[in-house]
Protein backbone atom coordinates (compact mmCIF):
# COMPACT_ATOMS: atom_id res chain seq x y z
CA MET A 1 -160.64 65.83 -87.92
CA SER A 2 -157.39 66.82 -86.26
CA GLN A 3 -154.19 64.89 -86.63
CA VAL A 4 -154.18 63.78 -82.98
CA LYS A 5 -157.49 61.98 -83.43
CA LYS A 6 -156.23 59.77 -86.22
CA ILE A 7 -155.29 56.16 -85.46
CA PRO A 8 -151.52 55.72 -86.00
CA ALA A 9 -150.24 53.00 -88.33
CA THR A 10 -146.68 51.71 -88.56
CA VAL A 11 -145.44 50.18 -91.82
CA ILE A 12 -142.74 47.52 -91.39
CA THR A 13 -140.90 46.70 -94.59
CA GLY A 14 -137.81 44.70 -95.48
CA PHE A 15 -136.70 41.72 -97.52
CA LEU A 16 -137.61 38.13 -96.77
CA GLY A 17 -135.26 36.91 -94.05
CA ALA A 18 -134.59 40.33 -92.53
CA GLY A 19 -136.40 39.26 -89.36
CA LYS A 20 -139.83 40.85 -89.62
CA THR A 21 -141.60 37.97 -87.82
CA SER A 22 -139.25 38.13 -84.81
CA THR A 23 -139.50 41.92 -84.73
CA ILE A 24 -143.29 41.87 -84.77
CA GLN A 25 -143.40 39.24 -82.03
CA HIS A 26 -141.11 41.32 -79.83
CA LEU A 27 -143.16 44.43 -80.59
CA LEU A 28 -146.29 42.62 -79.36
CA LYS A 29 -144.54 41.52 -76.17
CA THR A 30 -143.52 45.08 -75.34
CA ALA A 31 -146.70 46.91 -76.45
CA GLY A 32 -147.64 47.76 -72.87
CA GLY A 33 -151.33 46.95 -73.15
CA LYS A 34 -152.00 48.80 -76.41
CA ARG A 35 -154.66 47.22 -78.62
CA LEU A 36 -152.72 46.43 -81.75
CA ALA A 37 -154.07 45.24 -85.09
CA LEU A 38 -151.80 43.53 -87.61
CA ILE A 39 -152.19 43.55 -91.38
CA ILE A 40 -149.90 40.91 -92.83
CA ASN A 41 -149.09 40.83 -96.55
CA GLU A 42 -148.51 37.11 -96.92
CA PHE A 43 -147.43 34.98 -99.89
CA GLY A 44 -148.05 31.39 -98.82
CA ASP A 45 -144.87 30.19 -97.15
CA LEU A 46 -142.82 33.17 -98.29
CA GLY A 47 -144.21 36.00 -96.15
CA VAL A 48 -144.49 36.48 -92.42
CA ASP A 49 -145.84 33.29 -90.87
CA SER A 50 -149.14 34.55 -89.53
CA ASP A 51 -149.75 31.28 -87.72
CA ILE A 52 -146.68 31.98 -85.59
CA VAL A 53 -147.96 35.44 -84.73
CA LYS A 54 -151.50 34.19 -84.07
CA GLY A 55 -150.29 31.40 -81.82
CA CYS A 56 -147.86 33.49 -79.82
CA GLY A 57 -150.05 33.66 -76.70
CA ILE A 58 -149.09 37.30 -76.14
CA GLU A 59 -151.54 39.68 -74.50
CA GLY A 60 -153.06 41.89 -77.19
CA CYS A 61 -152.38 39.30 -79.90
CA GLU A 62 -155.94 38.15 -80.54
CA ASP A 63 -156.65 36.24 -83.75
CA ASP A 64 -159.37 38.72 -84.73
CA ASP A 65 -156.80 41.51 -84.69
CA ILE A 66 -154.58 39.81 -87.29
CA LEU A 67 -155.66 40.20 -90.90
CA GLU A 68 -153.92 38.66 -93.90
CA LEU A 69 -153.60 40.07 -97.41
CA ALA A 70 -152.69 37.06 -99.51
CA ASN A 71 -153.65 38.29 -102.96
CA GLY A 72 -150.30 39.73 -103.99
CA CYS A 73 -147.90 42.58 -103.38
CA ILE A 74 -149.60 45.07 -101.07
CA CYS A 75 -148.48 48.07 -103.12
CA CYS A 76 -150.06 46.55 -106.27
CA THR A 77 -153.42 45.59 -104.73
CA VAL A 78 -154.20 48.75 -102.75
CA ALA A 79 -157.70 49.25 -104.14
CA ASP A 80 -158.64 45.57 -104.07
CA ASP A 81 -157.38 44.59 -100.66
CA PHE A 82 -155.59 47.13 -98.51
CA VAL A 83 -158.09 49.99 -98.36
CA PRO A 84 -161.11 47.72 -97.70
CA THR A 85 -159.15 45.93 -94.96
CA MET A 86 -158.26 49.25 -93.34
CA GLU A 87 -161.91 50.26 -93.47
CA LYS A 88 -162.93 47.08 -91.66
CA LEU A 89 -160.48 47.83 -88.85
CA LEU A 90 -161.48 51.48 -88.57
CA ASN A 91 -165.19 50.66 -88.57
CA ARG A 92 -164.98 48.25 -85.65
CA GLU A 93 -167.00 49.09 -82.55
CA THR A 94 -163.68 49.28 -80.68
CA PRO A 95 -160.97 50.29 -83.18
CA PRO A 96 -157.33 49.43 -82.43
CA ASP A 97 -155.01 51.85 -80.68
CA HIS A 98 -152.34 51.25 -83.31
CA ILE A 99 -152.15 49.37 -86.62
CA ILE A 100 -149.04 47.44 -87.66
CA ILE A 101 -148.68 46.73 -91.38
CA GLU A 102 -146.11 44.15 -92.53
CA THR A 103 -145.32 44.34 -96.23
CA SER A 104 -143.89 41.58 -98.36
CA GLY A 105 -140.24 41.72 -99.35
CA LEU A 106 -141.21 42.90 -102.83
CA ALA A 107 -143.48 45.77 -101.81
CA LEU A 108 -142.64 49.35 -102.70
CA PRO A 109 -143.37 51.33 -99.51
CA LYS A 110 -144.21 54.67 -101.13
CA PRO A 111 -147.37 53.57 -103.01
CA LEU A 112 -148.63 52.07 -99.76
CA VAL A 113 -147.99 55.32 -97.89
CA LYS A 114 -149.78 57.18 -100.68
CA ALA A 115 -152.81 54.96 -100.11
CA PHE A 116 -153.33 56.64 -96.73
CA ASN A 117 -154.59 59.65 -98.69
CA TRP A 118 -157.49 57.67 -100.19
CA PRO A 119 -160.84 59.31 -99.42
CA GLU A 120 -162.13 56.38 -97.36
CA ILE A 121 -159.37 56.49 -94.76
CA ARG A 122 -157.38 59.72 -94.95
CA THR A 123 -159.26 61.51 -92.14
CA ARG A 124 -159.14 58.52 -89.79
CA VAL A 125 -155.61 57.08 -89.88
CA THR A 126 -152.06 58.37 -90.29
CA VAL A 127 -148.68 56.77 -90.98
CA ASP A 128 -146.90 57.01 -87.65
CA GLY A 129 -143.71 55.77 -89.28
CA VAL A 130 -142.14 53.57 -91.94
CA ILE A 131 -139.70 51.09 -90.39
CA THR A 132 -137.26 49.45 -92.80
CA LEU A 133 -135.68 46.27 -91.49
CA VAL A 134 -132.25 45.43 -92.92
CA ASP A 135 -130.50 42.06 -92.83
CA GLY A 136 -127.10 43.23 -91.64
CA ARG A 137 -125.30 40.03 -92.59
CA ALA A 138 -126.72 39.99 -96.11
CA VAL A 139 -125.96 43.66 -96.77
CA ALA A 140 -122.40 43.23 -95.54
CA ASP A 141 -122.06 40.44 -98.12
CA GLY A 142 -123.49 42.66 -100.87
CA LEU A 143 -126.59 40.48 -101.27
CA PHE A 144 -129.27 42.71 -99.63
CA ALA A 145 -131.16 39.52 -98.74
CA THR A 146 -129.95 36.19 -97.34
CA ASN A 147 -131.75 34.16 -100.01
CA PRO A 148 -132.13 36.24 -103.19
CA GLU A 149 -133.09 33.15 -105.19
CA ILE A 150 -136.13 32.61 -102.95
CA ILE A 151 -137.15 36.23 -103.43
CA GLU A 152 -136.98 35.68 -107.18
CA GLN A 153 -139.33 32.69 -106.76
CA HIS A 154 -141.53 34.97 -104.68
CA ARG A 155 -141.56 37.52 -107.51
CA LEU A 156 -142.49 34.94 -110.17
CA ALA A 157 -145.28 33.50 -108.00
CA ASP A 158 -147.09 36.84 -107.64
CA GLU A 159 -149.45 37.31 -110.59
CA ASN A 160 -150.50 40.75 -109.32
CA LEU A 161 -146.99 42.21 -109.15
CA ASP A 162 -146.86 45.11 -111.60
CA HIS A 163 -143.30 46.26 -111.01
CA GLU A 164 -140.11 44.31 -111.67
CA SER A 165 -137.56 46.29 -109.69
CA PRO A 166 -134.08 44.76 -109.39
CA LEU A 167 -133.17 43.68 -105.87
CA GLU A 168 -130.82 46.61 -105.34
CA GLU A 169 -133.48 49.05 -106.50
CA LEU A 170 -136.03 47.57 -104.08
CA PHE A 171 -133.46 47.95 -101.30
CA GLU A 172 -133.08 51.62 -102.22
CA GLU A 173 -136.86 52.10 -102.34
CA GLN A 174 -137.33 50.63 -98.87
CA LEU A 175 -134.60 52.82 -97.41
CA ALA A 176 -135.66 56.02 -99.19
CA CYS A 177 -139.15 55.80 -97.67
CA ALA A 178 -137.97 54.98 -94.14
CA ASP A 179 -138.46 57.04 -90.99
CA MET A 180 -136.28 54.58 -89.09
CA VAL A 181 -133.87 51.90 -90.29
CA VAL A 182 -133.39 48.85 -88.07
CA ILE A 183 -130.25 46.86 -88.81
CA ASN A 184 -130.93 43.32 -87.62
CA LYS A 185 -128.62 40.30 -87.17
CA THR A 186 -125.76 42.41 -85.83
CA ASP A 187 -124.66 39.34 -83.87
CA LEU A 188 -123.58 37.78 -87.17
CA LEU A 189 -121.36 40.68 -88.22
CA GLU A 190 -117.59 40.51 -88.07
CA GLU A 191 -115.08 43.31 -87.54
CA GLY A 192 -115.48 45.97 -90.22
CA ASP A 193 -118.84 44.66 -91.43
CA MET A 194 -120.91 47.31 -89.67
CA ASP A 195 -119.05 50.07 -91.50
CA LYS A 196 -120.03 48.46 -94.82
CA VAL A 197 -123.67 48.16 -93.77
CA LEU A 198 -123.88 51.73 -92.48
CA ALA A 199 -122.29 53.06 -95.67
CA ALA A 200 -124.83 51.19 -97.82
CA VAL A 201 -127.75 52.40 -95.68
CA ARG A 202 -126.71 56.04 -95.28
CA LYS A 203 -126.27 56.38 -99.03
CA GLN A 204 -130.04 55.92 -99.48
CA ILE A 205 -131.76 57.43 -96.45
CA ARG A 206 -132.79 60.99 -95.70
CA PRO A 207 -130.53 62.91 -93.27
CA GLN A 208 -133.03 62.90 -90.39
CA VAL A 209 -133.65 59.14 -90.45
CA LYS A 210 -132.44 57.27 -87.36
CA ILE A 211 -130.54 53.98 -87.53
CA VAL A 212 -130.98 51.36 -84.79
CA LYS A 213 -128.84 48.22 -84.46
CA ILE A 214 -130.36 45.03 -83.02
CA ALA A 215 -130.07 41.25 -82.97
CA HIS A 216 -132.80 38.56 -83.13
CA GLY A 217 -135.47 41.18 -83.88
CA GLU A 218 -135.38 42.39 -80.29
CA ILE A 219 -136.54 45.98 -80.23
CA SER A 220 -139.11 47.58 -77.95
CA ALA A 221 -142.45 48.94 -79.09
CA SER A 222 -141.49 52.18 -77.34
CA VAL A 223 -138.75 52.64 -79.95
CA LEU A 224 -140.77 51.65 -83.03
CA LEU A 225 -144.10 53.27 -82.20
CA GLY A 226 -144.88 56.93 -81.63
CA LEU A 227 -142.65 58.47 -84.33
CA GLU A 228 -145.55 60.73 -85.44
CA SER A 229 -144.03 61.20 -88.88
CA ALA A 230 -147.35 61.65 -90.76
CA ALA A 231 -145.52 60.14 -93.73
CA GLU A 232 -148.52 60.51 -96.04
CA ASP A 233 -148.05 64.31 -95.81
CA ASP A 234 -144.32 64.06 -96.53
CA LEU A 235 -144.22 62.08 -99.77
CA ASP A 236 -142.07 64.48 -101.81
CA SER A 237 -139.04 63.95 -99.59
CA ARG A 238 -139.21 60.16 -100.07
CA HIS A 239 -137.56 59.47 -103.42
CA SER A 240 -138.80 56.59 -105.54
CA HIS A 241 -137.62 55.21 -108.88
CA HIS A 242 -141.33 54.96 -109.73
CA ASP A 243 -142.26 58.59 -109.05
CA ASP A 244 -142.74 59.26 -112.76
CA GLY A 245 -144.38 55.92 -113.45
CA HIS A 246 -147.94 54.69 -113.59
CA GLU A 247 -148.95 55.37 -110.03
CA HIS A 248 -151.98 57.50 -109.31
CA ASP A 249 -151.71 60.51 -107.05
CA HIS A 250 -154.41 59.58 -104.52
CA ASP A 251 -154.67 63.20 -103.31
CA ASP A 252 -156.38 63.91 -106.63
CA PHE A 253 -159.16 61.37 -106.06
CA GLU A 254 -162.66 62.43 -105.12
CA SER A 255 -165.70 60.45 -104.04
CA PHE A 256 -169.44 60.91 -103.82
CA ALA A 257 -172.44 58.75 -102.86
CA VAL A 258 -175.44 57.89 -105.00
CA GLU A 259 -178.62 56.72 -103.25
CA PHE A 260 -181.75 55.22 -104.78
CA GLY A 261 -184.37 52.57 -104.06
CA GLU A 262 -184.49 48.80 -104.25
CA ILE A 263 -183.16 46.87 -107.22
CA ALA A 264 -184.65 43.76 -108.82
CA ASP A 265 -181.53 42.01 -110.10
CA PRO A 266 -177.91 42.37 -108.82
CA ASP A 267 -176.43 41.15 -112.11
CA ALA A 268 -178.45 43.70 -114.02
CA LEU A 269 -177.11 46.47 -111.76
CA VAL A 270 -173.52 45.37 -112.41
CA ALA A 271 -174.21 45.21 -116.15
CA LYS A 272 -175.50 48.77 -115.94
CA LEU A 273 -172.49 50.00 -113.96
CA LEU A 274 -169.80 48.50 -116.21
CA PRO A 275 -170.21 50.88 -119.18
CA ILE A 276 -170.53 53.85 -116.80
CA VAL A 277 -167.25 52.90 -115.13
CA ALA A 278 -165.54 52.57 -118.51
CA ALA A 279 -166.95 55.80 -119.94
CA HIS A 280 -165.96 57.94 -116.95
CA ASP A 281 -162.73 56.13 -115.97
CA ILE A 282 -164.09 55.42 -112.48
CA LEU A 283 -161.60 53.77 -110.14
CA ARG A 284 -163.92 52.14 -107.60
CA VAL A 285 -167.59 51.61 -106.89
CA LYS A 286 -168.59 50.21 -103.53
CA GLY A 287 -171.64 50.10 -101.33
CA PHE A 288 -174.76 48.07 -100.71
CA ALA A 289 -178.13 47.48 -102.28
CA ALA A 290 -181.61 46.51 -101.20
CA VAL A 291 -182.85 43.70 -103.44
CA THR A 292 -186.58 43.23 -103.88
CA ASP A 293 -187.94 40.20 -101.98
CA LYS A 294 -184.56 39.63 -100.24
CA ASP A 295 -184.20 40.02 -96.47
CA MET A 296 -180.39 40.27 -96.72
CA ARG A 297 -178.37 43.35 -97.65
CA LEU A 298 -176.29 43.03 -100.83
CA VAL A 299 -172.70 44.30 -100.68
CA ILE A 300 -171.25 45.55 -103.96
CA GLN A 301 -167.52 46.04 -104.63
CA GLY A 302 -166.08 47.12 -107.95
CA VAL A 303 -162.50 47.91 -108.93
CA GLY A 304 -162.31 48.98 -112.55
CA SER A 305 -164.20 46.37 -114.56
CA ARG A 306 -164.05 43.74 -111.81
CA PHE A 307 -167.21 43.55 -109.70
CA GLN A 308 -168.31 41.22 -106.95
CA HIS A 309 -171.45 41.16 -104.85
CA TYR A 310 -172.65 39.08 -101.91
CA TYR A 311 -175.25 39.15 -99.13
CA ASP A 312 -173.73 40.00 -95.76
CA GLN A 313 -176.49 40.59 -93.19
CA GLU A 314 -180.23 40.98 -92.70
CA TRP A 315 -181.79 44.39 -92.87
CA SER A 316 -182.73 45.56 -89.39
CA GLU A 317 -186.21 46.87 -88.66
CA ASN A 318 -184.82 50.36 -87.96
CA THR A 319 -182.80 50.60 -91.17
CA GLU A 320 -184.24 52.08 -94.35
CA ARG A 321 -184.07 49.65 -97.25
CA LYS A 322 -182.23 51.55 -99.96
CA THR A 323 -179.29 51.26 -102.30
CA ARG A 324 -176.21 53.41 -101.63
CA LEU A 325 -173.14 53.37 -103.87
CA VAL A 326 -169.92 55.33 -103.33
CA VAL A 327 -168.10 56.31 -106.54
CA ILE A 328 -164.36 57.05 -106.43
CA GLY A 329 -162.44 58.58 -109.31
CA ASP A 330 -160.28 61.48 -110.46
CA HIS A 331 -161.03 64.90 -109.03
CA ASP A 332 -162.36 66.15 -112.39
CA MET A 333 -164.85 63.33 -113.01
CA ASP A 334 -168.31 64.43 -114.15
CA GLU A 335 -170.37 63.78 -111.03
CA ALA A 336 -173.64 65.00 -112.52
CA ALA A 337 -173.36 62.77 -115.59
CA ILE A 338 -172.40 59.73 -113.49
CA ARG A 339 -175.29 60.28 -111.08
CA ALA A 340 -177.73 60.61 -113.94
CA ALA A 341 -176.46 57.45 -115.62
CA ILE A 342 -176.62 55.36 -112.45
CA THR A 343 -180.11 56.48 -111.46
CA ALA A 344 -181.59 56.43 -114.97
């Protein structure tokens, strides 16, 4: 599939208080009829207030097009939450024209951009651009965020957070991954403050990254959208303190499907899959199953040793009742052995 056929996605990152809610609202108002979908990485009262966005009354801002990820830092729950959510959007009968992804203030942008290379979505969506929103007043004061103590509460409240980057390091991460930096709250800056902010920003960004100065989050969609950066193909130029850490390189993941007949017991299937996942270091198992004497299709989702299953819809008369599981793991996993174990 060619690049032009992929649905563009814009990642908006920045600390709590930088003005992401206002920026997203203004983006919606100036979208010019584009069908936008929003993925909001929310932490209770600490993230973007999705109720504000949902109730904005703006054309193109339908409730069904706003999805929340409330299970923790988006960069730490990619397999559990982000990729399945993207799949739901991409599989809609009428997919969006553009996807807007708002990260929490603690998210590392680069792991999220890497996730666009996952097998399920890499041929269907591309990172149009990473927009890093900066609180100009806070940076001028050397704080990086207006309320660093609230961000620390935010950090402690997230049980899924698997990185403990200092505030300054997070600031550097967000800037290093940016395709555009938006300095907000310029109306609060005094003489000489902008020079301080620009110096702090330019120290971390790549030479080609543009800087835009705004107030009250007022910036047009025509400026933010359409950067065509294909950031997922340009990861090496985006420095991260975590490049040598625990992160997987998603380009090295492979996937294959295993199909077989009906099953008698969902719990028995999961019990069978667990040792196979452990033995072959499988990352994810997902799919559906036909259960004997059940009219409903069973959805199966597994991430590592955590599995869930539920019935989602009735089998249609024109659909073959069968079980189909997709296995995702490292590129060198033993497909033949895994297939044999699952179908034994």
